[in-house]
């Protein structure tokens, strides 16, 4: 897909006013000649990258704010 992000932007990202591409995969499940399911996967990381947002860098910064430690889980019957 090719689109130009304008006006209010896309998913909270300011519009750069330039063309970007969106890579996607489209899966269909056909049953008795009818479409029963349609799954569409979009490469969101690549789309954000084209919009000037480094999501992996944002995640690294977010994880710096996490309090390190362990989480205990009960063992045995609950």
Protein backbone atom coordinates (compact mmCIF):
# COMPACT_ATOMS: atom_id res chain seq x y z
CA UNK A 1 0.00 0.00 0.00
CA UNK A 2 1.15 3.52 -0.64
CA UNK A 3 -0.33 6.47 1.23
CA UNK A 4 0.38 10.06 2.14
CA UNK A 5 -0.11 10.89 5.81
CA UNK A 6 -1.73 14.33 6.08
CA UNK A 7 -4.28 16.28 8.13
CA UNK A 8 -4.47 14.82 11.66
CA UNK A 9 -1.69 12.28 11.09
CA UNK A 10 -1.84 8.53 11.69
CA UNK A 11 -2.20 6.73 15.03
CA UNK A 12 -1.07 9.78 16.99
CA UNK A 13 1.94 10.55 14.79
CA UNK A 14 2.14 14.02 13.25
CA UNK A 15 1.68 14.04 9.47
CA UNK A 16 4.97 14.32 7.55
CA UNK A 17 3.10 15.10 4.32
CA UNK A 18 5.09 12.56 2.31
CA UNK A 19 4.34 9.21 0.77
CA UNK A 20 5.01 6.06 2.78
CA UNK A 21 4.48 2.39 2.07
CA UNK A 22 2.79 -0.16 4.29
CA UNK A 23 3.94 -3.76 3.99
CA UNK A 24 1.20 -6.24 4.69
CA UNK A 25 0.19 -9.89 4.47
CA UNK A 26 -3.39 -10.93 3.88
CA UNK A 27 -4.64 -14.39 4.91
CA UNK A 28 -8.06 -15.75 4.02
CA UNK A 29 -9.93 -18.78 5.34
CA UNK A 30 -12.49 -20.07 2.89
CA UNK A 31 -15.23 -22.44 3.99
CA UNK A 32 -17.86 -23.77 1.60
CA UNK A 33 -16.86 -21.17 -0.97
CA UNK A 34 -17.33 -18.26 1.46
CA UNK A 35 -14.76 -16.09 3.23
CA UNK A 36 -15.04 -16.96 6.92
CA UNK A 37 -11.94 -15.18 8.22
CA UNK A 38 -9.57 -12.52 6.91
CA UNK A 39 -6.38 -11.77 8.84
CA UNK A 40 -4.25 -8.79 7.78
CA UNK A 41 -0.79 -8.27 9.28
CA UNK A 42 0.86 -4.86 8.83
CA UNK A 43 4.56 -4.14 9.46
CA UNK A 44 3.91 -1.35 11.94
CA UNK A 45 7.60 -0.96 12.91
CA UNK A 46 8.52 -0.16 9.31
CA UNK A 47 5.61 2.26 8.96
CA UNK A 48 6.61 4.13 12.12
CA UNK A 49 10.24 4.20 10.90
CA UNK A 50 9.14 5.92 7.68
CA UNK A 51 7.26 8.48 9.81
CA UNK A 52 10.45 9.24 11.75
CA UNK A 53 9.60 7.29 14.90
CA UNK A 54 12.08 4.71 16.23
CA UNK A 55 9.78 2.44 18.22
CA UNK A 56 12.60 0.13 19.36
CA UNK A 57 14.51 3.13 20.82
CA UNK A 58 11.30 4.22 22.56
CA UNK A 59 10.90 0.74 24.04
CA UNK A 60 14.50 0.78 25.30
CA UNK A 61 13.86 4.13 27.04
CA UNK A 62 10.57 2.85 28.45
CA UNK A 63 12.31 -0.22 29.89
CA UNK A 64 14.89 1.97 31.66
CA UNK A 65 12.07 3.30 33.82
CA UNK A 66 10.99 -0.18 34.90
CA UNK A 67 11.82 -1.24 38.43
CA UNK A 68 14.05 -4.33 38.21
CA UNK A 69 13.17 -7.28 40.35
CA UNK A 70 11.56 -10.64 40.31
CA UNK A 71 7.94 -11.64 40.22
CA UNK A 72 6.99 -14.56 42.42
CA UNK A 73 4.49 -17.12 41.24
CA UNK A 74 2.85 -19.66 43.55
CA UNK A 75 3.90 -23.25 42.93
CA UNK A 76 1.54 -26.17 43.40
CA UNK A 77 -2.22 -26.37 43.69
CA UNK A 78 -4.06 -23.11 43.98
